Amino acid sequence: MKLLLTLLLWVNFAGTPDLAAIRKMYTGVTKSESNAKEFSAKLADVSNNDDKTLVAYKAASILLDSKFEKKLNDKIARFKEGAKLLESTIKSESNNIELRLIRLSIQENVPGITGYKKNIKEDKKYITDHYAEQNNALKEYLKDFILQSKSFSEKEKQFVK
């Protein structure tokens, strides 16, 4: 019985991607289509019932995948799917700073024609206001994003230095 329980727990944890590894992959995901596909594959088994941070990264992977779709209708459908998933995830955990960072990173990089840029100021303010409350690992991740972000001015970036 103990063996069966141990095996079930191992299988359950083996299927869930490691958040630190996902964060590391996310920083380089836009560099190539193969990086984006690898990122998507890593998150393919994440369901809406999993940790909301992983669900948000899965939504980001869908949004990034839409960039590589060949047909316009497929591009639009994938983009809408990813945006809808990301928005519902943020709605369920609006106080999760990492979800806001993911949305901000997407919105500052998508073309204006998508109409998906309306939360940049809101997310930027949330990140600025709640940065100090985060653990050290998350602060480092946020800092790395903020320092390279197009949404923060040089003056605004001073709070992370």
N, C-alpha and C. Protein backbone atom coordinates (compact mmCIF):
# COMPACT_ATOMS: atom_id res chain seq x y z
N MET A 1 0.82 -1.19 0.00
CA MET A 1 0.00 0.00 0.00
C MET A 1 0.87 1.27 0.00
N LYS A 2 1.92 1.28 0.82
CA LYS A 2 2.82 2.44 0.85
C LYS A 2 3.48 2.64 -0.51
N LEU A 3 3.85 1.54 -1.14
CA LEU A 3 4.48 1.62 -2.46
C LEU A 3 3.53 2.25 -3.48
N LEU A 4 2.28 1.82 -3.45
CA LEU A 4 1.29 2.36 -4.37
C LEU A 4 1.08 3.86 -4.13
N LEU A 5 0.98 4.26 -2.87
CA LEU A 5 0.81 5.67 -2.54
C LEU A 5 2.02 6.49 -2.98
N THR A 6 3.21 5.98 -2.74
CA THR A 6 4.44 6.65 -3.15
C THR A 6 4.49 6.80 -4.67
N LEU A 7 4.14 5.75 -5.38
CA LEU A 7 4.13 5.78 -6.84
C LEU A 7 3.12 6.81 -7.37
N LEU A 8 1.93 6.85 -6.77
CA LEU A 8 0.92 7.82 -7.20
C LEU A 8 1.38 9.25 -6.95
N LEU A 9 1.98 9.50 -5.80
CA LEU A 9 2.50 10.84 -5.50
C LEU A 9 3.63 11.22 -6.46
N TRP A 10 4.51 10.30 -6.76
CA TRP A 10 5.62 10.57 -7.68
C TRP A 10 5.10 10.90 -9.07
N VAL A 11 4.13 10.11 -9.55
CA VAL A 11 3.56 10.36 -10.87
C VAL A 11 2.89 11.73 -10.90
N ASN A 12 2.20 12.08 -9.81
CA ASN A 12 1.52 13.37 -9.74
C ASN A 12 2.52 14.52 -9.79
N PHE A 13 3.61 14.44 -9.06
CA PHE A 13 4.61 15.50 -9.05
C PHE A 13 5.48 15.49 -10.31
N ALA A 14 5.70 14.34 -10.89
CA ALA A 14 6.53 14.25 -12.09
C ALA A 14 5.87 14.96 -13.27
N GLY A 15 4.53 15.01 -13.30
CA GLY A 15 3.82 15.63 -14.40
C GLY A 15 3.74 17.14 -14.32
N THR A 16 4.01 17.70 -13.14
CA THR A 16 3.91 19.14 -12.95
C THR A 16 5.27 19.79 -13.22
N PRO A 17 5.32 20.72 -14.13
CA PRO A 17 6.60 21.38 -14.42
C PRO A 17 7.11 22.18 -13.21
N ASP A 18 8.40 22.28 -13.10
CA ASP A 18 9.05 23.03 -12.05
C ASP A 18 8.96 24.52 -12.39
N LEU A 19 8.44 25.32 -11.44
CA LEU A 19 8.23 26.74 -11.70
C LEU A 19 9.53 27.48 -12.01
N ALA A 20 10.60 27.14 -11.31
CA ALA A 20 11.89 27.81 -11.56
C ALA A 20 12.36 27.52 -12.99
N ALA A 21 12.17 26.30 -13.46
CA ALA A 21 12.57 25.93 -14.83
C ALA A 21 11.69 26.66 -15.85
N ILE A 22 10.41 26.78 -15.55
CA ILE A 22 9.48 27.48 -16.45
C ILE A 22 9.86 28.95 -16.55
N ARG A 23 10.17 29.57 -15.41
CA ARG A 23 10.58 30.98 -15.43
C ARG A 23 11.84 31.16 -16.29
N LYS A 24 12.77 30.26 -16.13
CA LYS A 24 14.02 30.35 -16.90
C LYS A 24 13.74 30.21 -18.40
N MET A 25 12.88 29.26 -18.75
CA MET A 25 12.53 29.07 -20.16
C MET A 25 11.80 30.29 -20.72
N TYR A 26 10.94 30.89 -19.91
CA TYR A 26 10.11 32.00 -20.37
C TYR A 26 10.94 33.20 -20.82
N THR A 27 12.05 33.41 -20.15
CA THR A 27 12.89 34.56 -20.51
C THR A 27 13.48 34.44 -21.92
N GLY A 28 13.61 33.24 -22.44
CA GLY A 28 14.19 33.07 -23.77
C GLY A 28 13.22 32.54 -24.81
N VAL A 29 11.95 32.49 -24.45
CA VAL A 29 10.97 31.83 -25.31
C VAL A 29 10.72 32.56 -26.63
N THR A 30 10.93 33.86 -26.67
CA THR A 30 10.64 34.61 -27.91
C THR A 30 11.80 34.60 -28.90
N LYS A 31 12.91 34.01 -28.51
CA LYS A 31 14.10 34.04 -29.37
C LYS A 31 13.99 33.16 -30.60
N SER A 32 13.16 32.11 -30.52
CA SER A 32 13.01 31.24 -31.69
C SER A 32 11.72 30.44 -31.60
N GLU A 33 11.29 29.96 -32.73
CA GLU A 33 10.10 29.12 -32.78
C GLU A 33 10.33 27.83 -32.00
N SER A 34 11.53 27.27 -32.07
CA SER A 34 11.81 26.03 -31.34
C SER A 34 11.74 26.24 -29.83
N ASN A 35 12.20 27.40 -29.34
CA ASN A 35 12.07 27.72 -27.91
C ASN A 35 10.59 27.80 -27.51
N ALA A 36 9.80 28.44 -28.35
CA ALA A 36 8.37 28.58 -28.08
C ALA A 36 7.69 27.21 -28.07
N LYS A 37 8.03 26.35 -29.02
CA LYS A 37 7.43 25.01 -29.09
C LYS A 37 7.85 24.16 -27.88
N GLU A 38 9.10 24.27 -27.49
CA GLU A 38 9.59 23.53 -26.32
C GLU A 38 8.85 24.00 -25.05
N PHE A 39 8.68 25.30 -24.94
CA PHE A 39 7.96 25.88 -23.81
C PHE A 39 6.52 25.38 -23.77
N SER A 40 5.86 25.37 -24.91
CA SER A 40 4.48 24.87 -25.00
C SER A 40 4.39 23.40 -24.63
N ALA A 41 5.33 22.63 -25.12
CA ALA A 41 5.34 21.20 -24.82
C ALA A 41 5.50 20.94 -23.32
N LYS A 42 6.34 21.73 -22.69
CA LYS A 42 6.58 21.59 -21.25
C LYS A 42 5.31 21.87 -20.44
N LEU A 43 4.45 22.73 -20.97
CA LEU A 43 3.24 23.13 -20.26
C LEU A 43 1.97 22.45 -20.78
N ALA A 44 2.11 21.56 -21.73
CA ALA A 44 0.95 20.94 -22.38
C ALA A 44 0.02 20.23 -21.40
N ASP A 45 0.56 19.61 -20.37
CA ASP A 45 -0.26 18.86 -19.43
C ASP A 45 -0.81 19.68 -18.27
N VAL A 46 -0.52 20.96 -18.25
CA VAL A 46 -1.05 21.83 -17.19
C VAL A 46 -2.54 22.04 -17.46
N SER A 47 -3.35 21.84 -16.43
CA SER A 47 -4.79 22.03 -16.57
C SER A 47 -5.23 23.25 -15.77
N ASN A 48 -6.45 23.67 -15.97
CA ASN A 48 -6.98 24.85 -15.27
C ASN A 48 -7.03 24.64 -13.76
N ASN A 49 -6.95 23.41 -13.29
CA ASN A 49 -6.99 23.12 -11.86
C ASN A 49 -5.62 23.17 -11.22
N ASP A 50 -4.57 23.31 -12.01
CA ASP A 50 -3.21 23.36 -11.48
C ASP A 50 -2.91 24.73 -10.88
N ASP A 51 -1.71 24.87 -10.34
CA ASP A 51 -1.25 26.14 -9.81
C ASP A 51 -1.50 27.24 -10.84
N LYS A 52 -2.11 28.33 -10.41
CA LYS A 52 -2.52 29.39 -11.34
C LYS A 52 -1.33 30.04 -12.04
N THR A 53 -0.17 30.04 -11.41
CA THR A 53 1.00 30.61 -12.06
C THR A 53 1.37 29.76 -13.28
N LEU A 54 1.32 28.44 -13.12
CA LEU A 54 1.60 27.56 -14.26
C LEU A 54 0.53 27.70 -15.35
N VAL A 55 -0.71 27.88 -14.94
CA VAL A 55 -1.80 28.08 -15.91
C VAL A 55 -1.55 29.37 -16.70
N ALA A 56 -1.09 30.41 -16.02
CA ALA A 56 -0.79 31.67 -16.71
C ALA A 56 0.36 31.50 -17.70
N TYR A 57 1.37 30.73 -17.32
CA TYR A 57 2.46 30.46 -18.27
C TYR A 57 1.96 29.64 -19.45
N LYS A 58 1.02 28.71 -19.19
CA LYS A 58 0.44 27.96 -20.30
C LYS A 58 -0.31 28.91 -21.24
N ALA A 59 -1.05 29.85 -20.67
CA ALA A 59 -1.76 30.84 -21.49
C ALA A 59 -0.76 31.64 -22.33
N ALA A 60 0.35 32.02 -21.71
CA ALA A 60 1.39 32.75 -22.44
C ALA A 60 1.95 31.89 -23.57
N SER A 61 2.09 30.59 -23.33
CA SER A 61 2.62 29.71 -24.38
C SER A 61 1.65 29.63 -25.56
N ILE A 62 0.36 29.66 -25.27
CA ILE A 62 -0.64 29.64 -26.35
C ILE A 62 -0.58 30.95 -27.14
N LEU A 63 -0.47 32.05 -26.42
CA LEU A 63 -0.34 33.35 -27.08
C LEU A 63 0.92 33.40 -27.96
N LEU A 64 2.01 32.87 -27.45
CA LEU A 64 3.26 32.85 -28.23
C LEU A 64 3.15 31.91 -29.43
N ASP A 65 2.46 30.79 -29.24
CA ASP A 65 2.25 29.85 -30.35
C ASP A 65 1.49 30.50 -31.49
N SER A 66 0.57 31.39 -31.14
CA SER A 66 -0.25 32.02 -32.18
C SER A 66 0.62 32.77 -33.19
N LYS A 67 1.74 33.25 -32.73
CA LYS A 67 2.68 33.97 -33.60
C LYS A 67 3.19 33.10 -34.75
N PHE A 68 3.28 31.79 -34.50
CA PHE A 68 3.86 30.88 -35.48
C PHE A 68 2.83 30.12 -36.31
N GLU A 69 1.55 30.41 -36.10
CA GLU A 69 0.52 29.79 -36.93
C GLU A 69 0.62 30.34 -38.35
N LYS A 70 0.37 29.49 -39.32
CA LYS A 70 0.50 29.90 -40.72
C LYS A 70 -0.74 30.62 -41.24
N LYS A 71 -1.92 30.14 -40.86
CA LYS A 71 -3.16 30.73 -41.35
C LYS A 71 -3.66 31.80 -40.39
N LEU A 72 -4.14 32.89 -40.95
CA LEU A 72 -4.60 34.02 -40.14
C LEU A 72 -5.71 33.61 -39.16
N ASN A 73 -6.67 32.81 -39.63
CA ASN A 73 -7.76 32.37 -38.75
C ASN A 73 -7.23 31.57 -37.57
N ASP A 74 -6.23 30.71 -37.82
CA ASP A 74 -5.63 29.92 -36.75
C ASP A 74 -4.87 30.82 -35.78
N LYS A 75 -4.18 31.81 -36.32
CA LYS A 75 -3.45 32.79 -35.50
C LYS A 75 -4.41 33.50 -34.55
N ILE A 76 -5.51 33.99 -35.09
CA ILE A 76 -6.50 34.72 -34.30
C ILE A 76 -7.14 33.82 -33.25
N ALA A 77 -7.49 32.61 -33.64
CA ALA A 77 -8.13 31.68 -32.71
C ALA A 77 -7.20 31.34 -31.54
N ARG A 78 -5.95 31.04 -31.84
CA ARG A 78 -4.97 30.73 -30.78
C ARG A 78 -4.74 31.93 -29.88
N PHE A 79 -4.64 33.09 -30.47
CA PHE A 79 -4.42 34.30 -29.69
C PHE A 79 -5.59 34.52 -28.73
N LYS A 80 -6.82 34.42 -29.23
CA LYS A 80 -8.00 34.61 -28.39
C LYS A 80 -8.06 33.56 -27.28
N GLU A 81 -7.70 32.32 -27.61
CA GLU A 81 -7.69 31.24 -26.61
C GLU A 81 -6.71 31.56 -25.48
N GLY A 82 -5.52 31.98 -25.84
CA GLY A 82 -4.51 32.31 -24.85
C GLY A 82 -4.89 33.51 -24.01
N ALA A 83 -5.40 34.55 -24.64
CA ALA A 83 -5.80 35.77 -23.92
C ALA A 83 -6.95 35.47 -22.96
N LYS A 84 -7.90 34.68 -23.41
CA LYS A 84 -9.05 34.33 -22.56
C LYS A 84 -8.58 33.53 -21.34
N LEU A 85 -7.69 32.58 -21.54
CA LEU A 85 -7.17 31.78 -20.44
C LEU A 85 -6.38 32.65 -19.46
N LEU A 86 -5.57 33.53 -19.98
CA LEU A 86 -4.77 34.41 -19.11
C LEU A 86 -5.68 35.33 -18.31
N GLU A 87 -6.65 35.92 -18.95
CA GLU A 87 -7.57 36.83 -18.25
C GLU A 87 -8.37 36.10 -17.17
N SER A 88 -8.85 34.90 -17.46
CA SER A 88 -9.62 34.17 -16.45
C SER A 88 -8.72 33.74 -15.28
N THR A 89 -7.47 33.44 -15.56
CA THR A 89 -6.53 33.07 -14.51
C THR A 89 -6.25 34.27 -13.61
N ILE A 90 -6.04 35.42 -14.21
CA ILE A 90 -5.80 36.64 -13.42
C ILE A 90 -7.04 37.01 -12.62
N LYS A 91 -8.21 36.83 -13.20
CA LYS A 91 -9.45 37.12 -12.48
C LYS A 91 -9.57 36.24 -11.23
N SER A 92 -9.13 35.00 -11.34
CA SER A 92 -9.25 34.08 -10.20
C SER A 92 -8.20 34.35 -9.12
N GLU A 93 -7.09 34.97 -9.49
CA GLU A 93 -6.02 35.30 -8.52
C GLU A 93 -5.44 36.67 -8.84
N SER A 94 -6.26 37.69 -8.68
CA SER A 94 -5.84 39.04 -9.08
C SER A 94 -4.71 39.60 -8.22
N ASN A 95 -4.43 38.99 -7.08
CA ASN A 95 -3.35 39.47 -6.21
C ASN A 95 -2.02 38.73 -6.45
N ASN A 96 -1.95 37.95 -7.50
CA ASN A 96 -0.73 37.21 -7.82
C ASN A 96 0.12 38.08 -8.76
N ILE A 97 1.22 38.59 -8.22
CA ILE A 97 2.07 39.52 -8.96
C ILE A 97 2.70 38.88 -10.20
N GLU A 98 2.98 37.59 -10.14
CA GLU A 98 3.60 36.93 -11.29
C GLU A 98 2.62 36.83 -12.47
N LEU A 99 1.35 36.66 -12.18
CA LEU A 99 0.35 36.63 -13.25
C LEU A 99 0.30 37.99 -13.94
N ARG A 100 0.42 39.05 -13.15
CA ARG A 100 0.44 40.40 -13.71
C ARG A 100 1.68 40.62 -14.57
N LEU A 101 2.81 40.10 -14.12
CA LEU A 101 4.05 40.21 -14.89
C LEU A 101 3.91 39.49 -16.23
N ILE A 102 3.31 38.32 -16.23
CA ILE A 102 3.14 37.56 -17.46
C ILE A 102 2.27 38.34 -18.44
N ARG A 103 1.14 38.88 -17.93
CA ARG A 103 0.25 39.65 -18.82
C ARG A 103 0.96 40.89 -19.33
N LEU A 104 1.70 41.58 -18.47
CA LEU A 104 2.43 42.78 -18.89
C LEU A 104 3.45 42.43 -19.97
N SER A 105 4.16 41.33 -19.78
CA SER A 105 5.18 40.94 -20.77
C SER A 105 4.55 40.62 -22.12
N ILE A 106 3.35 40.06 -22.11
CA ILE A 106 2.64 39.77 -23.36
C ILE A 106 2.14 41.08 -23.98
N GLN A 107 1.45 41.88 -23.16
CA GLN A 107 0.81 43.08 -23.71
C GLN A 107 1.81 44.10 -24.23
N GLU A 108 2.99 44.19 -23.63
CA GLU A 108 3.93 45.19 -24.14
C GLU A 108 4.61 44.72 -25.43
N ASN A 109 4.42 43.47 -25.80
CA ASN A 109 5.08 42.94 -27.00
C ASN A 109 4.15 42.55 -28.14
N VAL A 110 2.84 42.55 -27.91
CA VAL A 110 1.94 42.19 -29.00
C VAL A 110 1.66 43.41 -29.88
N PRO A 111 1.38 43.19 -31.14
CA PRO A 111 1.06 44.32 -32.02
C PRO A 111 -0.21 45.04 -31.55
N GLY A 112 -0.25 46.34 -31.75
CA GLY A 112 -1.39 47.14 -31.35
C GLY A 112 -2.70 46.70 -31.98
N ILE A 113 -2.62 46.11 -33.16
CA ILE A 113 -3.82 45.69 -33.88
C ILE A 113 -4.62 44.63 -33.11
N THR A 114 -3.95 43.93 -32.19
CA THR A 114 -4.64 42.88 -31.42
C THR A 114 -5.62 43.48 -30.42
N GLY A 115 -5.40 44.73 -30.02
CA GLY A 115 -6.27 45.35 -29.04
C GLY A 115 -6.02 44.84 -27.63
N TYR A 116 -4.95 44.08 -27.46
CA TYR A 116 -4.66 43.47 -26.16
C TYR A 116 -3.53 44.22 -25.46
N LYS A 117 -3.79 45.48 -25.14
CA LYS A 117 -2.78 46.31 -24.49
C LYS A 117 -3.38 47.16 -23.36
N LYS A 118 -4.60 46.84 -22.97
CA LYS A 118 -5.33 47.72 -22.07
C LYS A 118 -4.93 47.65 -20.60
N ASN A 119 -4.13 46.67 -20.19
CA ASN A 119 -3.81 46.50 -18.76
C ASN A 119 -2.37 46.87 -18.41
N ILE A 120 -1.65 47.48 -19.32
CA ILE A 120 -0.24 47.78 -19.09
C ILE A 120 -0.05 48.69 -17.88
N LYS A 121 -0.75 49.80 -17.84
CA LYS A 121 -0.59 50.74 -16.72
C LYS A 121 -1.01 50.09 -15.39
N GLU A 122 -2.11 49.38 -15.42
CA GLU A 122 -2.63 48.71 -14.22
C GLU A 122 -1.62 47.69 -13.69
N ASP A 123 -1.09 46.86 -14.57
CA ASP A 123 -0.15 45.82 -14.14
C ASP A 123 1.18 46.42 -13.68
N LYS A 124 1.61 47.45 -14.36
CA LYS A 124 2.85 48.15 -13.99
C LYS A 124 2.71 48.73 -12.58
N LYS A 125 1.59 49.35 -12.31
CA LYS A 125 1.33 49.92 -10.98
C LYS A 125 1.27 48.82 -9.92
N TYR A 126 0.60 47.72 -10.25
CA TYR A 126 0.49 46.62 -9.28
C TYR A 126 1.88 46.06 -8.94
N ILE A 127 2.68 45.87 -9.96
CA ILE A 127 4.04 45.34 -9.75
C ILE A 127 4.87 46.31 -8.92
N THR A 128 4.78 47.58 -9.23
CA THR A 128 5.53 48.60 -8.49
C THR A 128 5.08 48.64 -7.03
N ASP A 129 3.77 48.61 -6.80
CA ASP A 129 3.23 48.71 -5.44
C ASP A 129 3.50 47.48 -4.58
N HIS A 130 3.63 46.31 -5.19
CA HIS A 130 3.73 45.07 -4.41
C HIS A 130 5.08 44.35 -4.53
N TYR A 131 6.01 44.96 -5.21
CA TYR A 131 7.33 44.37 -5.41
C TYR A 131 8.02 44.03 -4.07
N ALA A 132 8.01 44.96 -3.15
CA ALA A 132 8.74 44.81 -1.88
C ALA A 132 8.21 43.65 -1.03
N GLU A 133 6.99 43.24 -1.24
CA GLU A 133 6.37 42.18 -0.44
C GLU A 133 6.77 40.76 -0.88
N GLN A 134 7.44 40.62 -1.99
CA GLN A 134 7.72 39.31 -2.58
C GLN A 134 8.95 38.65 -1.97
N ASN A 135 9.02 37.32 -2.13
CA ASN A 135 10.21 36.60 -1.65
C ASN A 135 11.39 36.93 -2.57
N ASN A 136 12.59 36.61 -2.12
CA ASN A 136 13.80 37.01 -2.85
C ASN A 136 13.88 36.43 -4.26
N ALA A 137 13.49 35.17 -4.43
CA ALA A 137 13.56 34.55 -5.76
C ALA A 137 12.63 35.27 -6.73
N LEU A 138 11.43 35.57 -6.28
CA LEU A 138 10.48 36.25 -7.15
C LEU A 138 10.91 37.70 -7.39
N LYS A 139 11.48 38.35 -6.38
CA LYS A 139 11.99 39.72 -6.57
C LYS A 139 13.06 39.75 -7.65
N GLU A 140 13.96 38.79 -7.65
CA GLU A 140 15.02 38.73 -8.67
C GLU A 140 14.42 38.58 -10.06
N TYR A 141 13.44 37.69 -10.17
CA TYR A 141 12.77 37.45 -11.45
C TYR A 141 12.06 38.72 -11.92
N LEU A 142 11.34 39.36 -11.02
CA LEU A 142 10.65 40.61 -11.35
C LEU A 142 11.64 41.69 -11.75
N LYS A 143 12.72 41.79 -11.00
CA LYS A 143 13.75 42.80 -11.27
C LYS A 143 14.32 42.62 -12.68
N ASP A 144 14.67 41.37 -13.02
CA ASP A 144 15.21 41.10 -14.36
C ASP A 144 14.23 41.53 -15.45
N PHE A 145 12.94 41.26 -15.22
CA PHE A 145 11.94 41.67 -16.20
C PHE A 145 11.84 43.19 -16.28
N ILE A 146 11.72 43.83 -15.13
CA ILE A 146 11.53 45.28 -15.08
C ILE A 146 12.68 46.01 -15.76
N LEU A 147 13.91 45.57 -15.50
CA LEU A 147 15.07 46.26 -16.07
C LEU A 147 15.14 46.18 -17.59
N GLN A 148 14.53 45.17 -18.19
CA GLN A 148 14.55 45.09 -19.66
C GLN A 148 13.22 45.49 -20.28
N SER A 149 12.23 45.79 -19.46
CA SER A 149 10.88 46.11 -19.93
C SER A 149 10.82 47.45 -20.65
N LYS A 150 9.98 47.48 -21.69
CA LYS A 150 9.73 48.71 -22.43
C LYS A 150 8.70 49.59 -21.73
N SER A 151 7.96 49.00 -20.80
CA SER A 151 6.87 49.72 -20.14
C SER A 151 7.34 50.63 -19.00
N PHE A 152 8.50 50.32 -18.44
CA PHE A 152 9.03 51.11 -17.33
C PHE A 152 10.08 52.08 -17.85
N SER A 153 9.97 53.34 -17.45
CA SER A 153 10.98 54.33 -17.82
C SER A 153 12.22 54.10 -16.96
N GLU A 154 13.31 54.72 -17.32
CA GLU A 154 14.56 54.59 -16.53
C GLU A 154 14.34 55.06 -15.09
N LYS A 155 13.58 56.13 -14.93
CA LYS A 155 13.28 56.64 -13.59
C LYS A 155 12.45 55.63 -12.81
N GLU A 156 11.46 55.03 -13.45
CA GLU A 156 10.59 54.06 -12.78
C GLU A 156 11.34 52.78 -12.39
N LYS A 157 12.37 52.45 -13.13
CA LYS A 157 13.14 51.24 -12.85
C LYS A 157 13.99 51.36 -11.59
N GLN A 158 14.15 52.54 -11.05
CA GLN A 158 15.03 52.78 -9.91
C GLN A 158 14.60 52.02 -8.65
N PHE A 159 13.31 51.73 -8.52
CA PHE A 159 12.85 51.07 -7.30
C PHE A 159 13.36 49.63 -7.15
N VAL A 160 13.86 49.03 -8.22
CA VAL A 160 14.38 47.66 -8.12
C VAL A 160 15.89 47.60 -8.00
N LYS A 161 16.54 48.73 -8.14
CA LYS A 161 18.01 48.73 -8.13
C LYS A 161 18.56 48.82 -6.72
